[in-house]
N, C-alpha and C. Protein backbone atom coordinates (compact mmCIF):
# COMPACT_ATOMS: atom_id res chain seq x y z
N ALA A 1 63.28 12.01 1.80
CA ALA A 1 61.69 12.59 2.13
C ALA A 1 61.23 12.92 3.49
N SER A 2 61.11 14.26 4.41
CA SER A 2 60.74 14.28 5.64
C SER A 2 59.43 13.43 5.72
N TYR A 3 58.88 13.26 5.08
CA TYR A 3 57.74 11.79 5.71
C TYR A 3 58.40 10.03 5.49
N SER A 4 58.91 9.88 5.21
CA SER A 4 59.52 8.49 5.04
C SER A 4 60.77 8.14 6.06
N LYS A 5 60.84 6.35 6.25
CA LYS A 5 62.07 6.48 6.73
C LYS A 5 63.13 5.65 6.06
N GLY A 6 64.29 6.14 6.25
CA GLY A 6 64.94 5.28 5.31
C GLY A 6 66.01 3.89 6.12
N PHE A 7 66.22 3.05 5.99
CA PHE A 7 66.66 1.99 6.24
C PHE A 7 68.45 1.95 6.40
N GLY A 8 68.74 3.29 5.47
CA GLY A 8 70.39 3.32 5.60
C GLY A 8 71.06 3.06 4.01
N ASN A 9 69.92 2.36 3.32
CA ASN A 9 70.75 1.95 2.08
C ASN A 9 69.82 2.51 0.83
N GLY A 10 68.89 3.72 0.88
CA GLY A 10 68.25 3.97 -0.05
C GLY A 10 66.63 3.50 0.04
N ASP A 11 66.53 2.30 0.79
CA ASP A 11 65.00 1.80 0.52
C ASP A 11 64.20 3.01 1.89
N ILE A 12 62.77 2.85 1.54
CA ILE A 12 62.22 3.39 2.33
C ILE A 12 61.07 2.49 3.10
N ARG A 13 60.79 2.74 4.14
CA ARG A 13 59.40 1.97 4.54
C ARG A 13 58.62 3.33 5.27
N TRP A 14 57.19 2.70 5.59
CA TRP A 14 56.17 3.46 5.98
C TRP A 14 55.96 3.68 7.53
N GLY A 15 56.04 2.39 7.62
CA GLY A 15 55.60 1.71 9.56
C GLY A 15 56.00 0.38 9.90
N ASP A 16 55.52 0.34 10.67
CA ASP A 16 55.89 -1.33 11.10
C ASP A 16 54.61 -1.72 11.45
N TYR A 17 53.40 -1.28 11.74
CA TYR A 17 52.15 -1.99 12.20
C TYR A 17 51.08 -1.13 11.64
N SER A 18 50.40 -2.08 11.55
CA SER A 18 48.55 -1.21 11.08
C SER A 18 47.52 -1.94 11.25
N SER A 19 46.36 -1.55 12.06
CA SER A 19 45.25 -2.55 12.61
C SER A 19 43.91 -1.92 11.73
N THR A 20 42.82 -2.58 11.72
CA THR A 20 41.67 -2.43 11.48
C THR A 20 40.64 -2.91 12.08
N VAL A 21 39.80 -2.83 12.96
CA VAL A 21 38.69 -3.38 13.88
C VAL A 21 37.47 -3.04 13.67
N VAL A 22 36.75 -3.40 14.07
CA VAL A 22 35.20 -3.22 14.39
C VAL A 22 34.84 -2.64 15.25
N ASP A 23 33.98 -1.86 15.45
CA ASP A 23 33.72 -1.17 16.77
C ASP A 23 32.62 -2.33 17.67
N PRO A 24 33.34 -2.30 19.04
CA PRO A 24 32.33 -3.48 19.48
C PRO A 24 31.13 -2.92 19.65
N ALA A 25 31.00 -1.17 19.69
CA ALA A 25 29.28 -0.97 19.93
C ALA A 25 28.31 -0.82 18.91
N GLY A 26 28.84 -1.15 17.65
CA GLY A 26 28.31 -1.28 16.91
C GLY A 26 28.64 -1.68 15.06
N ASP A 27 28.05 -2.92 14.55
CA ASP A 27 29.18 -3.83 14.01
C ASP A 27 29.63 -2.88 12.55
N THR A 28 28.44 -1.61 12.14
CA THR A 28 28.95 -1.35 10.68
C THR A 28 29.66 -0.27 11.09
N THR A 29 30.45 -0.03 11.89
CA THR A 29 31.24 1.25 12.60
C THR A 29 33.04 0.45 12.18
N PHE A 30 33.93 0.67 12.18
CA PHE A 30 35.31 0.82 11.82
C PHE A 30 36.16 1.55 12.17
N TRP A 31 36.59 1.13 13.13
CA TRP A 31 38.65 1.69 12.82
C TRP A 31 39.73 1.61 12.63
N THR A 32 40.41 2.28 12.18
CA THR A 32 41.57 1.73 11.87
C THR A 32 42.78 2.64 12.19
N ILE A 33 44.14 1.92 12.74
CA ILE A 33 45.29 2.43 13.38
C ILE A 33 46.50 2.11 12.24
N GLN A 34 47.26 3.48 11.88
CA GLN A 34 48.50 2.99 11.30
C GLN A 34 49.43 4.03 11.45
N GLU A 35 50.34 3.32 11.70
CA GLU A 35 51.88 3.93 11.98
C GLU A 35 53.15 4.58 11.01
N TYR A 36 52.70 5.71 10.68
CA TYR A 36 53.47 6.37 9.94
C TYR A 36 54.87 7.31 10.17
N ALA A 37 55.65 7.36 9.05
CA ALA A 37 56.97 8.73 9.21
C ALA A 37 56.18 9.95 9.20
N ALA A 38 56.61 10.27 10.65
CA ALA A 38 56.16 11.82 11.27
C ALA A 38 57.36 12.57 10.87
N THR A 39 57.28 13.89 10.46
CA THR A 39 57.80 15.17 10.29
C THR A 39 58.93 14.81 11.28
N PRO A 40 60.20 14.83 10.37
CA PRO A 40 61.38 15.06 11.68
C PRO A 40 61.65 16.39 12.75
N VAL A 41 62.28 16.21 13.81
CA VAL A 41 61.88 17.21 14.79
C VAL A 41 62.53 18.45 13.66
N SER A 42 62.59 20.21 14.49
CA SER A 42 63.13 21.16 13.93
C SER A 42 64.84 20.81 13.98
N GLY A 43 65.32 20.84 12.68
CA GLY A 43 66.91 20.63 13.14
C GLY A 43 67.63 19.56 12.77
N GLY A 44 66.39 18.63 13.20
CA GLY A 44 66.57 16.71 12.61
C GLY A 44 66.59 16.60 11.50
N THR A 45 67.13 15.01 11.09
CA THR A 45 67.10 14.86 9.76
C THR A 45 66.31 13.58 9.58
N PRO A 46 66.09 13.64 8.02
CA PRO A 46 65.21 12.50 8.17
C PRO A 46 64.90 11.14 8.74
N ASN A 47 66.17 10.45 9.08
CA ASN A 47 66.61 9.61 9.32
C ASN A 47 66.76 9.88 11.10
N ASP A 48 65.83 10.56 11.39
CA ASP A 48 65.80 10.31 13.42
C ASP A 48 65.06 9.93 13.99
N ASP A 49 64.35 8.82 13.13
CA ASP A 49 63.61 7.75 13.84
C ASP A 49 62.28 8.45 14.28
N ARG A 50 61.63 9.19 14.23
CA ARG A 50 60.75 9.77 14.63
C ARG A 50 59.21 9.46 13.62
N TRP A 51 58.56 8.67 14.62
CA TRP A 51 57.34 8.22 13.82
C TRP A 51 56.38 8.55 14.58
N GLY A 52 55.02 8.45 14.02
CA GLY A 52 53.48 8.87 14.64
C GLY A 52 52.35 8.03 13.89
N THR A 53 51.29 8.28 14.93
CA THR A 53 50.44 7.07 14.67
C THR A 53 49.42 8.02 14.38
N TRP A 54 48.73 7.25 13.32
CA TRP A 54 47.56 8.01 12.96
C TRP A 54 46.16 6.72 13.23
N TRP A 55 45.08 7.52 13.58
CA TRP A 55 43.90 6.75 13.63
C TRP A 55 42.64 7.18 12.78
N GLY A 56 41.79 6.60 12.82
CA GLY A 56 40.38 7.29 12.67
C GLY A 56 39.44 6.10 12.24
N GLU A 57 38.20 6.81 11.83
CA GLU A 57 36.77 6.22 12.32
C GLU A 57 36.50 5.74 10.90
N ILE A 58 35.94 4.72 10.22
CA ILE A 58 35.63 4.14 8.80
C ILE A 58 33.74 3.90 9.31
N THR A 59 32.69 4.88 8.33
CA THR A 59 32.08 4.33 8.67
C THR A 59 31.25 4.04 7.15
N PRO A 60 30.81 2.61 6.40
CA PRO A 60 30.35 2.75 4.79
C PRO A 60 28.94 3.25 5.44
N SER A 61 29.39 4.39 3.68
CA SER A 61 27.57 3.94 3.62
C SER A 61 26.53 3.01 2.67
N TYR A 62 25.78 2.80 3.24
CA TYR A 62 25.32 1.61 2.51
C TYR A 62 23.76 1.59 2.57
N THR A 63 22.71 0.93 2.12
CA THR A 63 21.44 0.91 1.99
C THR A 63 20.91 -0.39 2.10
N VAL A 64 20.03 -0.58 2.87
CA VAL A 64 19.56 -2.21 3.46
C VAL A 64 18.34 -2.64 2.38
N ASN A 65 18.52 -3.39 1.32
CA ASN A 65 17.19 -3.71 0.69
C ASN A 65 16.30 -4.45 1.45
N THR A 66 15.09 -4.06 1.06
CA THR A 66 13.83 -5.15 1.85
C THR A 66 12.96 -6.07 0.55
N PRO A 67 13.12 -7.15 0.48
CA PRO A 67 12.21 -8.05 -0.21
C PRO A 67 11.14 -7.44 -0.58
N PRO A 68 10.91 -7.77 -1.69
CA PRO A 68 9.59 -7.47 -2.31
C PRO A 68 8.71 -9.08 -1.86
N VAL A 69 7.40 -8.23 -1.79
CA VAL A 69 5.91 -9.09 -1.42
C VAL A 69 4.96 -9.38 -2.37
N ALA A 70 4.76 -10.93 -2.84
CA ALA A 70 4.64 -11.18 -4.40
C ALA A 70 3.23 -11.91 -4.01
N ASP A 71 2.21 -11.07 -4.63
CA ASP A 71 0.53 -11.33 -4.12
C ASP A 71 0.11 -12.18 -5.74
N ALA A 72 -0.19 -13.34 -5.55
CA ALA A 72 -0.97 -13.78 -6.89
C ALA A 72 -2.57 -13.47 -6.70
N GLY A 73 -2.91 -12.92 -6.18
CA GLY A 73 -4.46 -12.69 -6.11
C GLY A 73 -5.02 -13.79 -5.04
N ALA A 74 -6.72 -13.56 -5.36
CA ALA A 74 -7.47 -14.49 -4.82
C ALA A 74 -7.61 -15.97 -5.82
N ASN A 75 -7.78 -16.89 -4.98
CA ASN A 75 -8.46 -17.97 -5.75
C ASN A 75 -9.78 -17.80 -6.45
N GLN A 76 -9.92 -18.49 -7.73
CA GLN A 76 -10.88 -18.65 -8.48
C GLN A 76 -11.64 -19.60 -8.46
N ASN A 77 -13.20 -19.39 -9.18
CA ASN A 77 -14.12 -20.85 -9.38
C ASN A 77 -14.20 -20.42 -11.08
N VAL A 78 -14.25 -21.15 -12.03
CA VAL A 78 -14.51 -20.55 -12.81
C VAL A 78 -15.28 -22.08 -13.90
N THR A 79 -15.96 -21.27 -15.04
CA THR A 79 -16.33 -22.87 -15.91
C THR A 79 -15.11 -23.00 -17.45
N THR A 80 -15.40 -24.27 -16.86
CA THR A 80 -14.33 -24.94 -17.71
C THR A 80 -14.25 -24.49 -19.46
N GLY A 81 -13.35 -23.76 -19.70
CA GLY A 81 -13.41 -23.43 -21.72
C GLY A 81 -13.39 -21.83 -21.40
N SER A 82 -13.49 -21.61 -20.34
CA SER A 82 -13.55 -19.78 -19.65
C SER A 82 -11.74 -19.33 -20.10
N THR A 83 -11.89 -17.84 -20.32
CA THR A 83 -10.50 -17.49 -20.28
C THR A 83 -10.43 -16.76 -18.68
N VAL A 84 -9.30 -17.37 -18.17
CA VAL A 84 -9.00 -16.63 -17.06
C VAL A 84 -7.96 -15.62 -16.53
N THR A 85 -8.14 -14.47 -16.09
CA THR A 85 -7.17 -13.49 -15.92
C THR A 85 -6.71 -13.43 -14.44
N LEU A 86 -5.18 -14.01 -14.15
CA LEU A 86 -4.75 -13.74 -13.14
C LEU A 86 -4.27 -12.29 -12.49
N ASN A 87 -3.71 -12.05 -11.56
CA ASN A 87 -4.23 -10.43 -11.30
C ASN A 87 -2.92 -10.43 -9.97
N GLY A 88 -1.61 -9.94 -10.40
CA GLY A 88 -0.18 -9.73 -9.67
C GLY A 88 -0.04 -8.63 -9.07
N SER A 89 -1.29 -7.69 -9.23
CA SER A 89 -1.33 -6.16 -9.21
C SER A 89 -1.16 -5.99 -7.65
N GLY A 90 -1.53 -6.81 -6.46
CA GLY A 90 -1.40 -6.85 -5.05
C GLY A 90 0.54 -7.02 -4.51
N SER A 91 1.19 -6.88 -5.32
CA SER A 91 2.35 -7.62 -4.82
C SER A 91 3.07 -5.67 -5.25
N PHE A 92 3.86 -5.76 -3.84
CA PHE A 92 4.53 -4.53 -3.70
C PHE A 92 6.13 -4.77 -2.64
N ASP A 93 6.43 -3.44 -2.75
CA ASP A 93 8.08 -3.38 -2.59
C ASP A 93 8.33 -2.24 -1.59
N ALA A 94 8.73 -2.26 -0.46
CA ALA A 94 8.58 -1.73 0.56
C ALA A 94 9.36 -0.49 0.22
N ASP A 95 10.43 -0.38 -0.08
CA ASP A 95 11.09 0.63 -0.96
C ASP A 95 10.94 1.24 -1.79
N GLY A 96 9.55 1.06 -2.11
CA GLY A 96 9.69 1.56 -3.69
C GLY A 96 10.02 1.08 -5.07
N ASN A 97 11.00 0.16 -5.05
CA ASN A 97 11.55 -0.15 -6.34
C ASN A 97 10.27 -0.91 -7.11
N PRO A 98 10.66 -0.30 -8.50
CA PRO A 98 9.85 -1.22 -10.03
C PRO A 98 10.43 -2.56 -9.35
N LEU A 99 8.93 -3.31 -9.55
CA LEU A 99 8.98 -4.63 -9.99
C LEU A 99 8.74 -5.25 -10.99
N THR A 100 9.56 -6.75 -11.03
CA THR A 100 9.27 -7.37 -12.91
C THR A 100 8.35 -8.38 -12.25
N TYR A 101 7.86 -9.34 -12.80
CA TYR A 101 6.92 -10.17 -12.56
C TYR A 101 7.22 -11.82 -13.40
N GLN A 102 7.32 -13.04 -12.99
CA GLN A 102 7.36 -14.45 -13.32
C GLN A 102 6.58 -15.03 -12.87
N TRP A 103 5.80 -15.41 -13.61
CA TRP A 103 4.46 -16.32 -13.27
C TRP A 103 4.79 -17.90 -13.88
N SER A 104 4.51 -18.74 -13.40
CA SER A 104 4.48 -20.62 -13.92
C SER A 104 3.28 -21.32 -12.99
N PHE A 105 3.11 -22.25 -14.18
CA PHE A 105 2.24 -23.19 -13.71
C PHE A 105 2.70 -24.31 -12.38
N VAL A 106 2.51 -24.41 -11.02
CA VAL A 106 3.15 -25.48 -10.30
C VAL A 106 2.52 -26.74 -10.90
N SER A 107 1.45 -26.48 -11.20
CA SER A 107 0.22 -27.99 -11.50
C SER A 107 -1.18 -27.61 -12.32
N LYS A 108 -1.49 -28.71 -13.08
CA LYS A 108 -2.82 -28.19 -13.88
C LYS A 108 -3.20 -29.66 -14.17
N PRO A 109 -4.59 -30.01 -14.50
CA PRO A 109 -5.01 -31.26 -14.93
C PRO A 109 -4.48 -32.04 -16.23
N SER A 110 -4.36 -33.11 -15.42
CA SER A 110 -4.08 -34.23 -16.82
C SER A 110 -4.63 -34.26 -18.15
N GLY A 111 -3.44 -33.56 -19.26
CA GLY A 111 -3.99 -33.60 -20.35
C GLY A 111 -4.20 -32.03 -20.52
N SER A 112 -4.08 -31.17 -19.78
CA SER A 112 -4.34 -29.66 -19.93
C SER A 112 -3.39 -29.31 -20.80
N SER A 113 -3.82 -28.11 -22.02
CA SER A 113 -2.97 -27.85 -22.53
C SER A 113 -2.87 -26.25 -22.58
N ALA A 114 -3.07 -26.07 -21.26
CA ALA A 114 -3.36 -24.27 -20.71
C ALA A 114 -1.82 -23.89 -20.82
N ALA A 115 -1.98 -22.38 -21.04
CA ALA A 115 -0.66 -21.44 -21.44
C ALA A 115 -0.67 -20.32 -21.44
N LEU A 116 -0.30 -19.91 -20.37
CA LEU A 116 0.13 -18.44 -20.21
C LEU A 116 0.48 -17.60 -21.36
N SER A 117 -0.10 -16.25 -20.86
CA SER A 117 -0.38 -15.24 -22.56
C SER A 117 0.92 -14.92 -22.61
N ASP A 118 1.29 -14.12 -21.13
CA ASP A 118 2.74 -13.66 -21.33
C ASP A 118 3.21 -14.05 -19.70
N SER A 119 4.00 -14.86 -19.58
CA SER A 119 4.62 -15.25 -17.86
C SER A 119 5.13 -14.04 -17.56
N THR A 120 5.43 -12.55 -18.04
CA THR A 120 5.84 -11.78 -17.29
C THR A 120 5.45 -10.79 -17.06
N ALA A 121 3.82 -10.70 -17.39
CA ALA A 121 2.61 -10.00 -17.50
C ALA A 121 2.23 -9.79 -15.84
N VAL A 122 1.45 -8.52 -15.44
CA VAL A 122 0.93 -8.21 -13.74
C VAL A 122 -0.49 -9.00 -14.26
N LYS A 123 -1.25 -8.82 -14.99
CA LYS A 123 -2.30 -9.69 -15.39
C LYS A 123 -2.22 -10.71 -16.44
N PRO A 124 -1.46 -11.86 -16.50
CA PRO A 124 -1.60 -12.74 -17.77
C PRO A 124 -3.30 -13.51 -18.02
N VAL A 125 -3.36 -14.05 -18.63
CA VAL A 125 -4.38 -14.92 -18.71
C VAL A 125 -4.04 -16.20 -19.33
N PHE A 126 -4.92 -17.41 -19.33
CA PHE A 126 -4.70 -18.79 -20.18
C PHE A 126 -6.03 -19.64 -19.77
N THR A 127 -6.81 -20.08 -21.09
CA THR A 127 -8.06 -21.18 -20.47
C THR A 127 -7.70 -22.02 -19.82
N ALA A 128 -8.72 -22.08 -19.11
CA ALA A 128 -9.04 -23.85 -18.21
C ALA A 128 -9.77 -24.63 -19.66
N ASP A 129 -8.72 -25.39 -19.64
CA ASP A 129 -9.29 -26.24 -20.61
C ASP A 129 -10.17 -27.59 -20.37
N ILE A 130 -9.41 -28.03 -19.20
CA ILE A 130 -9.89 -29.59 -18.99
C ILE A 130 -10.72 -28.97 -17.21
N ASP A 131 -11.69 -29.76 -16.48
CA ASP A 131 -12.06 -29.47 -15.32
C ASP A 131 -11.13 -30.19 -14.46
N GLY A 132 -10.97 -29.16 -13.59
CA GLY A 132 -9.66 -29.77 -12.25
C GLY A 132 -9.10 -28.30 -12.23
N ASN A 133 -8.40 -28.35 -10.97
CA ASN A 133 -7.61 -27.47 -10.15
C ASN A 133 -5.84 -26.76 -11.31
N TYR A 134 -6.17 -25.41 -11.53
CA TYR A 134 -4.78 -24.76 -11.76
C TYR A 134 -4.29 -24.00 -10.95
N VAL A 135 -3.15 -24.84 -10.58
CA VAL A 135 -2.58 -24.11 -9.53
C VAL A 135 -0.89 -22.93 -10.08
N LEU A 136 -0.86 -21.96 -9.78
CA LEU A 136 -0.05 -20.88 -10.24
C LEU A 136 0.80 -20.52 -9.06
N SER A 137 2.31 -19.60 -10.15
CA SER A 137 3.04 -19.22 -8.77
C SER A 137 3.27 -18.21 -9.49
N LEU A 138 3.78 -17.52 -8.18
CA LEU A 138 3.82 -15.68 -8.73
C LEU A 138 5.20 -15.22 -8.22
N VAL A 139 6.55 -14.85 -8.59
CA VAL A 139 7.53 -14.33 -8.13
C VAL A 139 7.99 -13.10 -8.60
N VAL A 140 8.15 -12.07 -7.58
CA VAL A 140 8.36 -10.52 -8.11
C VAL A 140 9.71 -9.88 -7.95
N ASN A 141 10.70 -9.42 -8.46
CA ASN A 141 11.90 -9.19 -8.33
C ASN A 141 11.37 -7.70 -8.34
N ASP A 142 12.66 -7.06 -7.11
CA ASP A 142 12.78 -5.65 -7.22
C ASP A 142 13.88 -5.18 -7.71
N GLY A 143 14.73 -5.85 -8.30
CA GLY A 143 16.20 -5.24 -9.04
C GLY A 143 17.36 -5.60 -8.55
N THR A 144 16.95 -6.32 -7.14
CA THR A 144 18.14 -7.01 -6.31
C THR A 144 18.02 -8.45 -6.04
N VAL A 145 16.41 -8.83 -5.48
CA VAL A 145 16.35 -10.03 -5.26
C VAL A 145 14.87 -10.33 -5.64
N ASN A 146 14.89 -11.89 -5.63
CA ASN A 146 13.81 -12.38 -5.45
C ASN A 146 12.83 -12.41 -4.57
N SER A 147 10.96 -12.32 -4.32
CA SER A 147 10.06 -12.72 -3.21
C SER A 147 9.89 -14.26 -2.95
N ALA A 148 9.58 -14.07 -1.84
CA ALA A 148 9.01 -15.49 -1.59
C ALA A 148 7.93 -15.67 -2.51
N ALA A 149 7.64 -16.94 -2.86
CA ALA A 149 6.67 -17.46 -3.98
C ALA A 149 5.21 -17.07 -3.85
N ASP A 150 4.32 -16.47 -3.57
CA ASP A 150 3.07 -16.48 -3.61
C ASP A 150 2.19 -17.64 -4.73
N SER A 151 1.14 -18.38 -4.35
CA SER A 151 0.52 -19.09 -5.02
C SER A 151 -1.05 -19.17 -5.23
N VAL A 152 -2.01 -19.59 -6.19
CA VAL A 152 -3.48 -19.36 -6.30
C VAL A 152 -4.02 -20.22 -7.02
N THR A 153 -4.96 -20.58 -6.83
CA THR A 153 -5.72 -22.37 -7.35
C THR A 153 -6.80 -21.46 -7.94
N ILE A 154 -7.13 -22.04 -8.93
CA ILE A 154 -8.03 -21.85 -10.29
C ILE A 154 -8.83 -22.79 -10.49
N THR A 155 -9.84 -23.09 -9.80
CA THR A 155 -10.62 -24.68 -9.92
C THR A 155 -12.13 -24.20 -11.09
N ALA A 156 -12.09 -24.97 -12.15
CA ALA A 156 -12.45 -25.04 -13.11
C ALA A 156 -13.57 -26.55 -13.60
N ALA A 157 -14.76 -26.23 -13.19
CA ALA A 157 -15.85 -27.14 -13.47
C ALA A 157 -17.29 -26.25 -15.13
N ALA A 158 -17.24 -27.77 -15.08
CA ALA A 158 -18.43 -27.64 -16.10
C ALA A 158 -19.58 -26.80 -16.07
N ALA A 159 -20.05 -26.20 -16.98
CA ALA A 159 -21.22 -25.44 -16.15
C ALA A 159 -22.43 -26.66 -16.24
N SER A 160 -23.73 -26.24 -14.90
CA SER A 160 -24.92 -27.16 -14.65
C SER A 160 -25.46 -26.79 -15.72
N ASN A 161 -26.18 -28.23 -15.98
CA ASN A 161 -27.83 -27.31 -16.31
C ASN A 161 -29.03 -28.02 -15.66
N SER A 162 -29.60 -26.13 -15.79
CA SER A 162 -30.95 -26.64 -15.24
C SER A 162 -32.18 -27.11 -15.56
N GLN A 163 -32.82 -28.47 -15.16
CA GLN A 163 -33.34 -28.53 -15.89
C GLN A 163 -34.70 -28.84 -15.23
N SER A 164 -35.69 -29.08 -16.20
CA SER A 164 -37.22 -28.63 -15.59
C SER A 164 -38.04 -29.47 -16.37
N SER A 165 -39.52 -30.06 -15.56
CA SER A 165 -40.31 -31.07 -16.37
C SER A 165 -41.45 -30.28 -16.86
N SER A 166 -42.27 -31.25 -17.92
CA SER A 166 -43.72 -31.11 -17.60
C SER A 166 -44.56 -31.82 -18.44
N GLY A 167 -45.71 -32.28 -17.88
CA GLY A 167 -47.08 -32.71 -18.21
C GLY A 167 -46.67 -33.61 -20.28
N GLY A 168 -46.83 -34.38 -20.32
CA GLY A 168 -46.76 -34.39 -21.91
C GLY A 168 -47.65 -34.12 -22.45
N GLY A 169 -47.96 -33.96 -24.22
CA GLY A 169 -49.08 -33.19 -24.76
C GLY A 169 -49.45 -32.09 -24.48
N GLY A 170 -50.05 -31.29 -25.03
CA GLY A 170 -50.69 -29.95 -25.31
C GLY A 170 -49.95 -29.17 -24.10
N GLY A 171 -50.27 -28.32 -23.22
CA GLY A 171 -49.88 -27.37 -22.15
C GLY A 171 -49.23 -28.34 -21.14
N GLY A 172 -49.51 -28.99 -20.75
CA GLY A 172 -48.77 -29.79 -19.69
C GLY A 172 -49.41 -29.85 -18.27
N CYS A 173 -49.02 -30.09 -17.25
CA CYS A 173 -50.14 -30.10 -16.22
C CYS A 173 -49.02 -29.94 -14.47
N THR A 174 -48.77 -28.89 -14.15
CA THR A 174 -48.19 -28.55 -13.07
C THR A 174 -48.93 -29.20 -11.46
N ILE A 175 -48.21 -29.46 -11.04
CA ILE A 175 -49.27 -30.42 -9.36
C ILE A 175 -48.23 -29.74 -8.51
N ASN A 176 -48.94 -29.01 -7.56
CA ASN A 176 -48.30 -28.42 -5.71
C ASN A 176 -48.66 -29.38 -5.47
N SER A 177 -47.36 -30.13 -5.00
CA SER A 177 -47.01 -31.20 -3.80
C SER A 177 -47.41 -30.27 -2.55
N ASN A 178 -47.49 -28.82 -2.60
CA ASN A 178 -47.47 -28.36 -1.05
C ASN A 178 -49.27 -28.26 -0.99
N ALA A 179 -49.87 -28.24 -2.14
CA ALA A 179 -51.09 -28.14 -1.68
C ALA A 179 -51.70 -29.00 -0.09
N GLU A 180 -53.13 -28.34 0.12
CA GLU A 180 -53.09 -29.21 1.47
C GLU A 180 -54.51 -29.85 1.15
N PHE A 181 -55.22 -30.67 1.67
CA PHE A 181 -56.27 -31.49 1.27
C PHE A 181 -57.39 -30.87 1.82
N ASP A 182 -58.57 -30.64 1.06
CA ASP A 182 -59.76 -29.68 1.52
C ASP A 182 -60.64 -31.44 1.88
N PRO A 183 -61.23 -31.69 2.29
CA PRO A 183 -62.52 -33.17 3.05
C PRO A 183 -63.65 -32.44 2.65
N THR A 184 -63.69 -31.01 2.74
CA THR A 184 -65.36 -30.39 2.02
C THR A 184 -65.69 -30.98 0.34
N LEU A 185 -64.50 -30.70 -0.34
CA LEU A 185 -64.42 -30.73 -1.38
C LEU A 185 -64.96 -31.73 -2.26
N LEU A 186 -64.32 -33.22 -1.48
CA LEU A 186 -64.64 -34.76 -1.71
C LEU A 186 -65.81 -34.90 -1.01
N LEU A 187 -66.43 -34.21 -0.16
CA LEU A 187 -67.62 -34.66 0.08
C LEU A 187 -68.84 -33.89 -0.79
N LEU A 188 -68.30 -32.62 -1.82
CA LEU A 188 -69.00 -32.17 -2.33
C LEU A 188 -69.36 -32.80 -3.80
N MET A 189 -68.25 -33.60 -3.98
CA MET A 189 -67.59 -34.34 -5.55
C MET A 189 -68.95 -35.93 -5.31
N LEU A 190 -68.85 -36.21 -4.32
CA LEU A 190 -69.18 -37.47 -3.79
C LEU A 190 -71.35 -37.02 -3.73
N PHE A 191 -71.71 -36.21 -3.53
CA PHE A 191 -73.06 -35.89 -3.47
C PHE A 191 -73.15 -35.41 -4.96
N ALA A 192 -72.57 -34.78 -5.88
CA ALA A 192 -73.07 -34.37 -7.08
C ALA A 192 -73.01 -35.64 -7.64
N ILE A 193 -72.32 -36.84 -7.56
CA ILE A 193 -72.21 -37.79 -8.57
C ILE A 193 -73.41 -39.06 -7.77
N LEU A 194 -73.76 -39.05 -6.37
CA LEU A 194 -74.94 -39.76 -6.28
C LEU A 194 -76.51 -38.68 -6.94
N GLU A 195 -76.22 -37.67 -6.93
CA GLU A 195 -77.69 -36.68 -7.47
C GLU A 195 -77.85 -37.42 -8.87
N LEU A 196 -76.67 -37.30 -9.51
CA LEU A 196 -76.53 -37.97 -10.99
C LEU A 196 -76.81 -39.22 -11.54
N TYR A 197 -76.51 -39.60 -10.02
CA TYR A 197 -77.40 -41.14 -10.47
C TYR A 197 -78.28 -41.40 -10.29
N ALA A 198 -78.83 -41.00 -8.74
CA ALA A 198 -80.75 -41.05 -8.89
C ALA A 198 -81.38 -40.22 -9.81
N HIS A 199 -80.77 -39.23 -10.31
CA HIS A 199 -81.62 -38.71 -11.48
C HIS A 199 -81.69 -39.52 -12.82
N LYS A 200 -80.41 -40.10 -13.29
CA LYS A 200 -80.97 -40.91 -14.39
C LYS A 200 -81.58 -42.72 -13.75
N LYS A 201 -81.81 -42.74 -12.49
CA LYS A 201 -82.64 -43.73 -12.23
C LYS A 201 -83.79 -43.62 -12.40
N ARG A 202 -84.49 -42.32 -12.17
CA ARG A 202 -85.84 -42.15 -11.89
C ARG A 202 -86.09 -41.63 -13.27
N LYS A 203 -85.22 -41.33 -14.80
CA LYS A 203 -85.59 -41.81 -15.55
C LYS A 203 -85.96 -42.96 -16.29
N VAL A 204 -85.27 -44.25 -15.57
CA VAL A 204 -85.55 -45.55 -15.78
C VAL A 204 -87.07 -46.03 -16.16
């Protein structure tokens, strides 16, 4: 064949050297150099030892994936026994890839049996059955890589009872501790008592 060189015994070879290197100006470009059997000169034979050198630039095509970002939502203060709704809808992927969600408890009060309704939902729920802190973690995935974990803390406490006091019997009595003292009223009451006493004494 005119594009190969023979060793004289029917064996064929392509070339004695080849090389592929990275372009020093950019690590996403490669250069390759290959020796090959060139076409014989006009009138020559396949074994006239004519070689050629081929070189070429190779630039692979690829897309850089940006890891997604998880957002477990804001911390919450709730009443013990209430249902808590988590919110991971603030999570996003800069490349616009659809996300999958994975929630998990990092910690919860001792003795709590709280469990997520669906650990893969965007907004799962659970019941804060015991006073204390419930710490949950959210990791999202864009189909290629996981995000860093984001956490949220839910603090549960018993409802506070507002207490009021009233006087015994009947309708009770309300005392205004902020009322100001009026000395004139005291003098009038004292004068009325003295008049009553004098009036009774004159009748005797």
